[in-house]
């Protein structure tokens, strides 16, 4: 066996994985999702639009710096899970039927 084959198997050549998300990061994301949920509970009709101005006034101005880092992820997850639709501008959100049904009883 050559020395080169042994070199490739050393721990220094293994790909490093990203560390798992901490509970803090997960918690910040869920706090942001809860903010959206609370706003939509007050505006609980299918097709109700949350505009950029609504997001700034009701969400962004209330975020801590750590929650700000989770804003985009929270929006993407709410969209992926079918609670909201996101318009092309990325900051206009529309409440779906699933959102109407589930935000009433949801807690993140």
C-alpha atoms as a PDB file:
ATOM      1  CA  UNK A   1       0.000   0.000   0.000  1.00  0.00           C
ATOM      2  CA  UNK A   2       1.420   3.392  -0.923  1.00  0.00           C
ATOM      3  CA  UNK A   3       1.720   6.353   1.416  1.00  0.00           C
ATOM      4  CA  UNK A   4      -0.654   8.406  -0.750  1.00  0.00           C
ATOM      5  CA  UNK A   5      -3.602   6.083  -0.149  1.00  0.00           C
ATOM      6  CA  UNK A   6      -3.074   6.413   3.606  1.00  0.00           C
ATOM      7  CA  UNK A   7      -2.937  10.201   3.325  1.00  0.00           C
ATOM      8  CA  UNK A   8      -6.386  10.328   1.742  1.00  0.00           C
ATOM      9  CA  UNK A   9      -7.913   8.527   4.698  1.00  0.00           C
ATOM     10  CA  UNK A  10      -6.596  10.833   7.402  1.00  0.00           C
ATOM     11  CA  UNK A  11      -9.116  12.823   9.433  1.00  0.00           C
ATOM     12  CA  UNK A  12      -7.677  16.049   8.031  1.00  0.00           C
ATOM     13  CA  UNK A  13      -9.030  15.265   4.577  1.00  0.00           C
ATOM     14  CA  UNK A  14     -12.610  14.590   5.645  1.00  0.00           C
ATOM     15  CA  UNK A  15     -15.224  17.156   4.720  1.00  0.00           C
ATOM     16  CA  UNK A  16     -16.435  19.174   7.641  1.00  0.00           C
ATOM     17  CA  UNK A  17     -20.136  19.373   8.242  1.00  0.00           C
ATOM     18  CA  UNK A  18     -21.910  22.493   9.387  1.00  0.00           C
ATOM     19  CA  UNK A  19     -22.753  22.361  13.062  1.00  0.00           C
ATOM     20  CA  UNK A  20     -26.353  21.496  13.847  1.00  0.00           C
ATOM     21  CA  UNK A  21     -28.686  24.412  14.419  1.00  0.00           C
ATOM     22  CA  UNK A  22     -28.728  25.435  18.009  1.00  0.00           C
ATOM     23  CA  UNK A  23     -31.926  25.575  20.014  1.00  0.00           C
ATOM     24  CA  UNK A  24     -31.481  29.348  20.087  1.00  0.00           C
ATOM     25  CA  UNK A  25     -31.579  29.646  16.290  1.00  0.00           C
ATOM     26  CA  UNK A  26     -34.611  27.390  16.113  1.00  0.00           C
ATOM     27  CA  UNK A  27     -36.289  29.375  18.869  1.00  0.00           C
ATOM     28  CA  UNK A  28     -35.681  32.724  17.091  1.00  0.00           C
ATOM     29  CA  UNK A  29     -37.172  31.349  13.879  1.00  0.00           C
ATOM     30  CA  UNK A  30     -40.233  30.081  15.746  1.00  0.00           C
ATOM     31  CA  UNK A  31     -40.633  33.457  17.461  1.00  0.00           C
ATOM     32  CA  UNK A  32     -40.704  35.143  14.050  1.00  0.00           C
ATOM     33  CA  UNK A  33     -43.194  32.584  12.736  1.00  0.00           C
ATOM     34  CA  UNK A  34     -45.360  33.276  15.788  1.00  0.00           C
ATOM     35  CA  UNK A  35     -45.328  37.006  14.956  1.00  0.00           C
ATOM     36  CA  UNK A  36     -46.681  36.255  11.478  1.00  0.00           C
ATOM     37  CA  UNK A  37     -49.220  33.841  12.945  1.00  0.00           C
ATOM     38  CA  UNK A  38     -50.458  36.462  15.420  1.00  0.00           C
ATOM     39  CA  UNK A  39     -50.849  39.093  12.703  1.00  0.00           C
ATOM     40  CA  UNK A  40     -52.746  36.725  10.431  1.00  0.00           C
ATOM     41  CA  UNK A  41     -55.016  35.641  13.314  1.00  0.00           C
ATOM     42  CA  UNK A  42     -56.256  39.245  13.396  1.00  0.00           C
ATOM     43  CA  UNK A  43     -56.680  39.306   9.597  1.00  0.00           C
ATOM     44  CA  UNK A  44     -58.079  35.830   9.225  1.00  0.00           C
ATOM     45  CA  UNK A  45     -59.524  35.630   5.701  1.00  0.00           C
ATOM     46  CA  UNK A  46     -58.301  33.555   2.777  1.00  0.00           C
ATOM     47  CA  UNK A  47     -56.435  35.798   0.384  1.00  0.00           C
ATOM     48  CA  UNK A  48     -55.717  38.502   2.948  1.00  0.00           C
ATOM     49  CA  UNK A  49     -52.559  40.336   1.922  1.00  0.00           C
ATOM     50  CA  UNK A  50     -49.731  41.314   4.235  1.00  0.00           C
ATOM     51  CA  UNK A  51     -47.904  44.077   2.378  1.00  0.00           C
ATOM     52  CA  UNK A  52     -44.299  45.197   2.684  1.00  0.00           C
ATOM     53  CA  UNK A  53     -45.495  48.068   4.871  1.00  0.00           C
ATOM     54  CA  UNK A  54     -47.349  45.626   7.151  1.00  0.00           C
ATOM     55  CA  UNK A  55     -44.239  43.466   7.464  1.00  0.00           C
ATOM     56  CA  UNK A  56     -42.070  46.454   8.336  1.00  0.00           C
ATOM     57  CA  UNK A  57     -44.575  47.952  10.789  1.00  0.00           C
ATOM     58  CA  UNK A  58     -45.739  44.752  12.496  1.00  0.00           C
ATOM     59  CA  UNK A  59     -42.770  42.399  12.238  1.00  0.00           C
ATOM     60  CA  UNK A  60     -39.404  43.923  11.319  1.00  0.00           C
ATOM     61  CA  UNK A  61     -39.575  46.857  13.751  1.00  0.00           C
ATOM     62  CA  UNK A  62     -40.184  44.396  16.602  1.00  0.00           C
ATOM     63  CA  UNK A  63     -37.353  41.972  15.810  1.00  0.00           C
ATOM     64  CA  UNK A  64     -34.144  41.594  17.745  1.00  0.00           C
ATOM     65  CA  UNK A  65     -30.963  41.292  15.707  1.00  0.00           C
ATOM     66  CA  UNK A  66     -30.957  37.514  16.181  1.00  0.00           C
ATOM     67  CA  UNK A  67     -34.586  37.242  15.108  1.00  0.00           C
ATOM     68  CA  UNK A  68     -33.788  39.321  12.001  1.00  0.00           C
ATOM     69  CA  UNK A  69     -31.403  36.585  10.898  1.00  0.00           C
ATOM     70  CA  UNK A  70     -34.330  34.133  10.981  1.00  0.00           C
ATOM     71  CA  UNK A  71     -36.855  36.295   9.101  1.00  0.00           C
ATOM     72  CA  UNK A  72     -36.207  34.947   5.610  1.00  0.00           C
ATOM     73  CA  UNK A  73     -36.090  31.341   6.829  1.00  0.00           C
ATOM     74  CA  UNK A  74     -39.385  31.765   8.698  1.00  0.00           C
ATOM     75  CA  UNK A  75     -41.126  33.197   5.615  1.00  0.00           C
ATOM     76  CA  UNK A  76     -39.783  30.389   3.424  1.00  0.00           C
ATOM     77  CA  UNK A  77     -40.965  27.727   5.880  1.00  0.00           C
ATOM     78  CA  UNK A  78     -44.441  29.239   6.242  1.00  0.00           C
ATOM     79  CA  UNK A  79     -44.660  29.290   2.447  1.00  0.00           C
ATOM     80  CA  UNK A  80     -43.304  25.746   2.047  1.00  0.00           C
ATOM     81  CA  UNK A  81     -45.752  24.462   4.668  1.00  0.00           C
ATOM     82  CA  UNK A  82     -48.648  26.049   2.769  1.00  0.00           C
ATOM     83  CA  UNK A  83     -49.739  28.685   5.308  1.00  0.00           C
ATOM     84  CA  UNK A  84     -48.919  31.651   3.075  1.00  0.00           C
ATOM     85  CA  UNK A  85     -48.097  32.413  -0.531  1.00  0.00           C
ATOM     86  CA  UNK A  86     -45.235  34.751  -1.325  1.00  0.00           C
ATOM     87  CA  UNK A  87     -45.531  37.143  -4.268  1.00  0.00           C
ATOM     88  CA  UNK A  88     -42.660  37.693  -6.683  1.00  0.00           C
ATOM     89  CA  UNK A  89     -41.367  40.701  -4.743  1.00  0.00           C
ATOM     90  CA  UNK A  90     -40.669  38.367  -1.801  1.00  0.00           C
ATOM     91  CA  UNK A  91     -42.318  40.674   0.722  1.00  0.00           C
ATOM     92  CA  UNK A  92     -45.998  40.475  -0.112  1.00  0.00           C
ATOM     93  CA  UNK A  93     -47.612  37.566   1.710  1.00  0.00           C
ATOM     94  CA  UNK A  94     -51.056  36.105   1.107  1.00  0.00           C
ATOM     95  CA  UNK A  95     -52.917  33.987   3.630  1.00  0.00           C
ATOM     96  CA  UNK A  96     -54.018  30.565   2.345  1.00  0.00           C
ATOM     97  CA  UNK A  97     -56.937  28.399   3.460  1.00  0.00           C
ATOM     98  CA  UNK A  98     -54.511  26.216   5.394  1.00  0.00           C
ATOM     99  CA  UNK A  99     -53.214  29.336   7.145  1.00  0.00           C
ATOM    100  CA  UNK A 100     -56.751  30.389   8.064  1.00  0.00           C
ATOM    101  CA  UNK A 101     -57.489  26.945   9.488  1.00  0.00           C
ATOM    102  CA  UNK A 102     -54.206  26.353  11.303  1.00  0.00           C
ATOM    103  CA  UNK A 103     -53.081  29.782  12.550  1.00  0.00           C
ATOM    104  CA  UNK A 104     -56.117  29.863  14.872  1.00  0.00           C
ATOM    105  CA  UNK A 105     -54.832  26.908  16.867  1.00  0.00           C
ATOM    106  CA  UNK A 106     -51.112  27.100  16.136  1.00  0.00           C
ATOM    107  CA  UNK A 107     -48.341  27.839  18.555  1.00  0.00           C
ATOM    108  CA  UNK A 108     -44.685  27.719  17.535  1.00  0.00           C
END
